């Protein structure tokens, strides 16, 4: 069973489910008219349930996979594809999906999300499978999502919700003095799809300090690094998709920003719906 924290865990799932219901409502008439098939893809499906809190005061949250499978009106998805890399979660995930909903077209695979995002891209790109329209949910707990995987979805008929670890991931790897280890800079390059120089130039500023022996150049991290990472990710997504929603901002109990949750799409009506839902939950936070 997954362990996570904060009311934002539940809010994030509620946003996804509300959007999925709206998506199915809008797509229902079009799917019947054009004979489209609707695919739901979850790249980090977990076990199906999430534990929240300590052992003395623990709450079990129904995960996104189970919530999406429980949607029956106005229609269901035609195909559900759940990806989970952790072996311990896969058995529980199958029990909470395939075993409970034996009549639904459910696939559970134990592998890396990036591999299956690229496979989904190939699937949606073929003429035979061009009838499929997809809703994707990519919810990593860290920086496991590679930018190169997202690039394969460019211009396809997919609405993709992404949890971006701006505070929990990007900001933590950006050392204040710019002395980032090779391992961390490599992770940032894979996640952002940018070169080392581009990352340093974007997140750091140079200060020139006069000293007795001449000027000294000091490199320091931008004060708004978390916000700037969210702005950067959204801006880069707009190079792949026509529209990107406003982000739902996920904060911890200390009011520090942990994640930004947003949707990318090529459909103008879709981003309007996403923004309405996101803005509602931001006001509640």
Protein backbone atom coordinates (compact mmCIF):
# COMPACT_ATOMS: atom_id res chain seq x y z
CA UNK A 1 0.00 0.00 0.00
CA UNK A 2 1.32 3.45 -0.90
CA UNK A 3 2.20 5.96 1.82
CA UNK A 4 1.76 9.65 1.17
CA UNK A 5 0.63 12.73 3.06
CA UNK A 6 -1.43 15.86 3.21
CA UNK A 7 -4.98 16.78 2.23
CA UNK A 8 -3.58 17.63 -1.18
CA UNK A 9 -3.23 13.88 -1.83
CA UNK A 10 -7.01 13.64 -1.74
CA UNK A 11 -7.56 16.93 -3.57
CA UNK A 12 -5.28 15.85 -6.39
CA UNK A 13 -7.34 12.69 -6.88
CA UNK A 14 -10.60 14.65 -6.65
CA UNK A 15 -9.37 17.00 -9.39
CA UNK A 16 -8.52 14.05 -11.61
CA UNK A 17 -11.84 12.30 -11.00
CA UNK A 18 -13.89 15.47 -11.58
CA UNK A 19 -12.02 16.04 -14.81
CA UNK A 20 -12.45 12.40 -15.88
CA UNK A 21 -16.23 12.63 -15.40
CA UNK A 22 -16.33 15.86 -17.43
CA UNK A 23 -14.07 14.29 -20.07
CA UNK A 24 -16.31 11.23 -20.40
CA UNK A 25 -19.42 13.43 -20.55
CA UNK A 26 -18.02 15.57 -23.37
CA UNK A 27 -16.47 12.67 -25.26
CA UNK A 28 -19.49 10.41 -24.97
CA UNK A 29 -21.48 11.89 -27.86
CA UNK A 30 -18.39 12.35 -30.03
CA UNK A 31 -17.22 8.80 -29.36
CA UNK A 32 -20.55 7.38 -30.46
CA UNK A 33 -20.65 9.57 -33.55
CA UNK A 34 -17.06 8.98 -34.69
CA UNK A 35 -16.66 5.46 -33.26
CA UNK A 36 -13.84 6.60 -31.00
CA UNK A 37 -12.45 4.45 -28.21
CA UNK A 38 -11.43 6.04 -24.91
CA UNK A 39 -8.21 5.02 -23.15
CA UNK A 40 -7.22 5.76 -19.56
CA UNK A 41 -3.49 5.56 -18.78
CA UNK A 42 -1.98 5.71 -15.28
CA UNK A 43 1.81 5.80 -15.25
CA UNK A 44 2.38 5.43 -11.49
CA UNK A 45 -0.67 3.48 -10.39
CA UNK A 46 0.61 2.29 -7.01
CA UNK A 47 -1.34 -0.36 -5.13
CA UNK A 48 -4.81 1.11 -5.51
CA UNK A 49 -4.94 2.51 -1.98
CA UNK A 50 -2.91 5.13 -0.10
CA UNK A 51 -2.07 5.27 3.60
CA UNK A 52 -2.06 8.76 5.07
CA UNK A 53 -0.82 9.79 8.50
CA UNK A 54 0.95 7.90 11.29
CA UNK A 55 -0.04 4.51 12.65
CA UNK A 56 -1.96 6.01 15.56
CA UNK A 57 -4.04 8.26 13.32
CA UNK A 58 -4.04 6.60 9.95
CA UNK A 59 -6.47 7.10 7.10
CA UNK A 60 -6.86 4.90 4.04
CA UNK A 61 -7.50 6.79 0.81
CA UNK A 62 -8.93 5.07 -2.24
CA UNK A 63 -6.36 5.60 -4.99
CA UNK A 64 -6.91 7.10 -8.42
CA UNK A 65 -7.02 3.72 -10.17
CA UNK A 66 -9.98 2.50 -8.13
CA UNK A 67 -11.76 5.85 -8.36
CA UNK A 68 -11.48 5.97 -12.14
CA UNK A 69 -12.64 2.36 -12.52
CA UNK A 70 -15.68 3.17 -10.40
CA UNK A 71 -16.92 5.79 -12.88
CA UNK A 72 -19.82 4.33 -14.87
CA UNK A 73 -21.83 7.39 -15.91
CA UNK A 74 -22.14 8.82 -18.46
CA UNK A 75 -19.90 6.00 -19.73
CA UNK A 76 -16.76 4.04 -18.92
CA UNK A 77 -13.38 4.08 -20.60
CA UNK A 78 -12.95 1.34 -23.19
CA UNK A 79 -9.44 0.48 -22.08
CA UNK A 80 -7.58 0.96 -18.78
CA UNK A 81 -3.79 0.73 -18.69
CA UNK A 82 -2.07 0.79 -15.31
CA UNK A 83 1.72 0.96 -14.97
CA UNK A 84 3.53 0.23 -11.71
CA UNK A 85 7.24 -0.44 -11.28
CA UNK A 86 7.27 -1.62 -7.66
CA UNK A 87 6.71 -5.37 -7.43
CA UNK A 88 5.17 -5.11 -3.97
CA UNK A 89 2.44 -2.83 -5.30
CA UNK A 90 1.62 -4.77 -8.46
CA UNK A 91 -0.07 -7.72 -6.72
CA UNK A 92 -2.28 -5.38 -4.69
CA UNK A 93 -3.00 -3.28 -7.77
CA UNK A 94 -4.24 -6.32 -9.68
CA UNK A 95 -6.42 -7.33 -6.74
CA UNK A 96 -7.89 -3.82 -6.53
CA UNK A 97 -8.52 -3.49 -10.27
CA UNK A 98 -8.71 -6.63 -12.40
CA UNK A 99 -10.12 -8.84 -9.65
CA UNK A 100 -12.83 -6.35 -8.65
CA UNK A 101 -13.74 -5.38 -12.22
CA UNK A 102 -13.34 -8.62 -14.23
CA UNK A 103 -15.59 -7.41 -17.05
CA UNK A 104 -13.53 -4.30 -17.80
CA UNK A 105 -10.65 -4.19 -20.26
CA UNK A 106 -7.85 -3.67 -17.73
CA UNK A 107 -4.13 -4.09 -18.26
CA UNK A 108 -1.66 -3.98 -15.35
CA UNK A 109 2.03 -3.98 -16.25
CA UNK A 110 5.11 -4.03 -14.05
CA UNK A 111 7.63 -1.75 -15.72
CA UNK A 112 8.97 1.79 -16.02
CA UNK A 113 6.48 4.55 -16.81
CA UNK A 114 8.71 6.21 -19.42
CA UNK A 115 8.82 3.02 -21.45
CA UNK A 116 5.03 2.75 -21.50
CA UNK A 117 4.44 6.43 -22.27
CA UNK A 118 6.52 5.96 -25.39
CA UNK A 119 4.63 2.74 -26.16
CA UNK A 120 1.32 4.60 -25.76
CA UNK A 121 2.56 7.23 -28.19
CA UNK A 122 3.31 4.57 -30.80
CA UNK A 123 -0.08 2.98 -30.12
CA UNK A 124 -1.99 6.24 -30.60
CA UNK A 125 0.03 7.18 -33.67
CA UNK A 126 -0.86 4.16 -35.79
CA UNK A 127 -3.67 4.40 -38.29
CA UNK A 128 -5.34 1.33 -36.82
CA UNK A 129 -5.41 2.82 -33.32
CA UNK A 130 -6.12 6.38 -34.40
CA UNK A 131 -9.66 5.90 -33.13
CA UNK A 132 -8.34 6.02 -29.55
CA UNK A 133 -8.47 9.21 -27.50
CA UNK A 134 -6.61 9.15 -24.21
CA UNK A 135 -6.66 10.63 -20.73
CA UNK A 136 -3.34 10.11 -18.95
CA UNK A 137 -2.40 10.55 -15.29
CA UNK A 138 1.32 10.77 -14.52
CA UNK A 139 1.78 11.02 -10.77
CA UNK A 140 5.38 10.28 -9.74
CA UNK A 141 6.54 10.82 -6.16
CA UNK A 142 9.83 12.20 -7.50
CA UNK A 143 11.58 13.02 -10.76
CA UNK A 144 11.12 9.67 -12.52
CA UNK A 145 9.39 11.19 -15.56
CA UNK A 146 11.78 11.92 -18.42
CA UNK A 147 11.11 14.88 -20.69
CA UNK A 148 11.95 12.77 -23.74
CA UNK A 149 8.96 10.54 -22.92
CA UNK A 150 6.58 13.51 -22.89
CA UNK A 151 7.97 14.66 -26.23
CA UNK A 152 6.60 11.50 -27.85
CA UNK A 153 3.05 12.64 -26.99
CA UNK A 154 3.37 15.88 -28.95
CA UNK A 155 0.25 16.73 -30.99
CA UNK A 156 -1.52 13.47 -30.08
CA UNK A 157 -5.13 13.14 -28.89
CA UNK A 158 -4.23 12.86 -25.23
CA UNK A 159 -5.04 15.00 -22.20
CA UNK A 160 -2.26 14.44 -19.68
CA UNK A 161 -2.31 15.39 -16.01
CA UNK A 162 1.20 15.65 -14.53
CA UNK A 163 2.36 16.02 -10.94
CA UNK A 164 5.49 18.17 -11.15
CA UNK A 165 7.82 17.94 -8.10
CA UNK A 166 8.84 21.59 -8.11
CA UNK A 167 9.60 21.89 -4.41
CA UNK A 168 10.13 18.23 -3.55
CA UNK A 169 12.35 17.52 -6.54
CA UNK A 170 13.73 20.31 -8.70
CA UNK A 171 14.36 22.84 -5.94
CA UNK A 172 16.07 20.29 -3.70
CA UNK A 173 18.57 19.40 -6.41
CA UNK A 174 19.37 23.04 -7.13
CA UNK A 175 22.08 23.77 -4.56
CA UNK A 176 22.21 27.36 -3.34
CA UNK A 177 25.79 27.88 -4.52
CA UNK A 178 25.29 26.19 -7.89
CA UNK A 179 27.64 23.32 -7.04
CA UNK A 180 25.35 20.55 -8.21
CA UNK A 181 26.71 17.00 -8.32
CA UNK A 182 26.98 15.24 -11.68
CA UNK A 183 24.31 12.75 -10.62
CA UNK A 184 21.88 15.53 -9.72
CA UNK A 185 22.54 17.62 -12.82
CA UNK A 186 21.99 14.52 -14.96
CA UNK A 187 18.65 13.95 -13.23
CA UNK A 188 17.66 17.58 -13.86
CA UNK A 189 18.68 17.31 -17.51
CA UNK A 190 16.53 14.20 -18.00
CA UNK A 191 13.57 15.68 -16.14
CA UNK A 192 13.59 19.12 -17.76
CA UNK A 193 14.97 18.15 -21.17
CA UNK A 194 17.55 20.93 -20.90
CA UNK A 195 21.34 21.14 -20.93
CA UNK A 196 23.43 21.89 -17.85
CA UNK A 197 24.16 25.41 -19.13
CA UNK A 198 20.48 26.12 -19.79
CA UNK A 199 19.56 24.98 -16.28
CA UNK A 200 22.27 27.04 -14.59
CA UNK A 201 21.48 30.13 -16.67
CA UNK A 202 17.78 29.87 -15.81
CA UNK A 203 17.98 29.19 -12.08
CA UNK A 204 21.10 31.10 -11.03
CA UNK A 205 22.30 34.69 -10.99
CA UNK A 206 25.81 36.09 -10.72
CA UNK A 207 26.75 38.72 -8.15
CA UNK A 208 30.03 40.61 -8.47
CA UNK A 209 31.55 41.33 -5.07
CA UNK A 210 34.44 43.86 -4.89
CA UNK A 211 37.32 42.57 -2.74
CA UNK A 212 40.83 43.73 -1.83
CA UNK A 213 42.22 41.52 -4.59
CA UNK A 214 39.69 42.38 -7.27
CA UNK A 215 36.11 41.48 -8.08
CA UNK A 216 34.80 38.07 -7.02
CA UNK A 217 31.93 36.44 -8.91
CA UNK A 218 29.41 34.72 -6.66
CA UNK A 219 26.78 32.38 -8.10
CA UNK A 220 23.55 32.00 -6.17
CA UNK A 221 20.17 30.41 -6.74
CA UNK A 222 17.19 32.54 -7.70
CA UNK A 223 14.96 33.31 -4.70
CA UNK A 224 11.84 32.16 -6.59
CA UNK A 225 13.32 28.83 -7.71
CA UNK A 226 10.18 26.80 -6.95
CA UNK A 227 7.87 29.21 -8.78
CA UNK A 228 10.35 29.54 -11.64
CA UNK A 229 10.53 25.76 -12.04
CA UNK A 230 6.73 25.61 -12.34
CA UNK A 231 6.74 28.44 -14.88
CA UNK A 232 9.52 26.73 -16.83
CA UNK A 233 7.78 23.36 -16.93
CA UNK A 234 4.52 24.91 -18.08
CA UNK A 235 6.31 26.95 -20.74
CA UNK A 236 8.11 23.88 -22.04
CA UNK A 237 4.89 21.86 -22.12
CA UNK A 238 3.38 24.54 -24.35
CA UNK A 239 5.98 23.62 -26.97
CA UNK A 240 4.51 20.11 -27.07
CA UNK A 241 0.81 20.83 -26.50
CA UNK A 242 -1.44 23.66 -27.59
CA UNK A 243 -2.74 24.36 -24.08
CA UNK A 244 -1.56 23.95 -20.48
CA UNK A 245 -3.85 24.47 -17.50
CA UNK A 246 -3.25 26.61 -14.45
CA UNK A 247 -1.53 24.50 -11.78
CA UNK A 248 -3.06 23.20 -8.60
CA UNK A 249 -0.45 24.11 -5.99
CA UNK A 250 0.22 21.42 -3.39
CA UNK A 251 1.67 22.63 -0.07
CA UNK A 252 2.73 20.90 3.13
CA UNK A 253 1.65 21.82 6.66
CA UNK A 254 4.39 24.46 6.80
CA UNK A 255 2.87 26.11 3.71
CA UNK A 256 5.90 25.22 1.59
CA UNK A 257 5.14 24.35 -2.03
CA UNK A 258 5.79 20.67 -2.74
CA UNK A 259 4.27 20.05 -6.17
CA UNK A 260 2.39 21.70 -9.02
CA UNK A 261 -0.36 19.59 -10.63
CA UNK A 262 -1.40 20.59 -14.14
CA UNK A 263 -2.83 19.32 -17.40
CA UNK A 264 -1.54 19.58 -20.97
CA UNK A 265 -3.84 19.12 -23.95
CA UNK A 266 -4.41 20.03 -27.56
CA UNK A 267 -8.07 20.83 -26.94
CA UNK A 268 -9.19 24.35 -26.00
CA UNK A 269 -12.43 23.18 -24.37
CA UNK A 270 -10.50 20.67 -22.27
CA UNK A 271 -8.18 23.26 -20.74
CA UNK A 272 -11.17 25.47 -19.90
CA UNK A 273 -12.72 22.62 -17.90
CA UNK A 274 -9.40 21.83 -16.23
CA UNK A 275 -8.88 25.45 -15.18
CA UNK A 276 -12.35 25.66 -13.64
CA UNK A 277 -11.66 22.58 -11.52
CA UNK A 278 -8.11 23.58 -10.56
CA UNK A 279 -9.08 27.11 -9.58
CA UNK A 280 -11.88 25.79 -7.39
CA UNK A 281 -9.45 23.61 -5.43
CA UNK A 282 -6.80 26.31 -5.21
CA UNK A 283 -9.37 28.53 -3.49
CA UNK A 284 -10.10 25.76 -0.99
CA UNK A 285 -6.43 25.27 -0.11
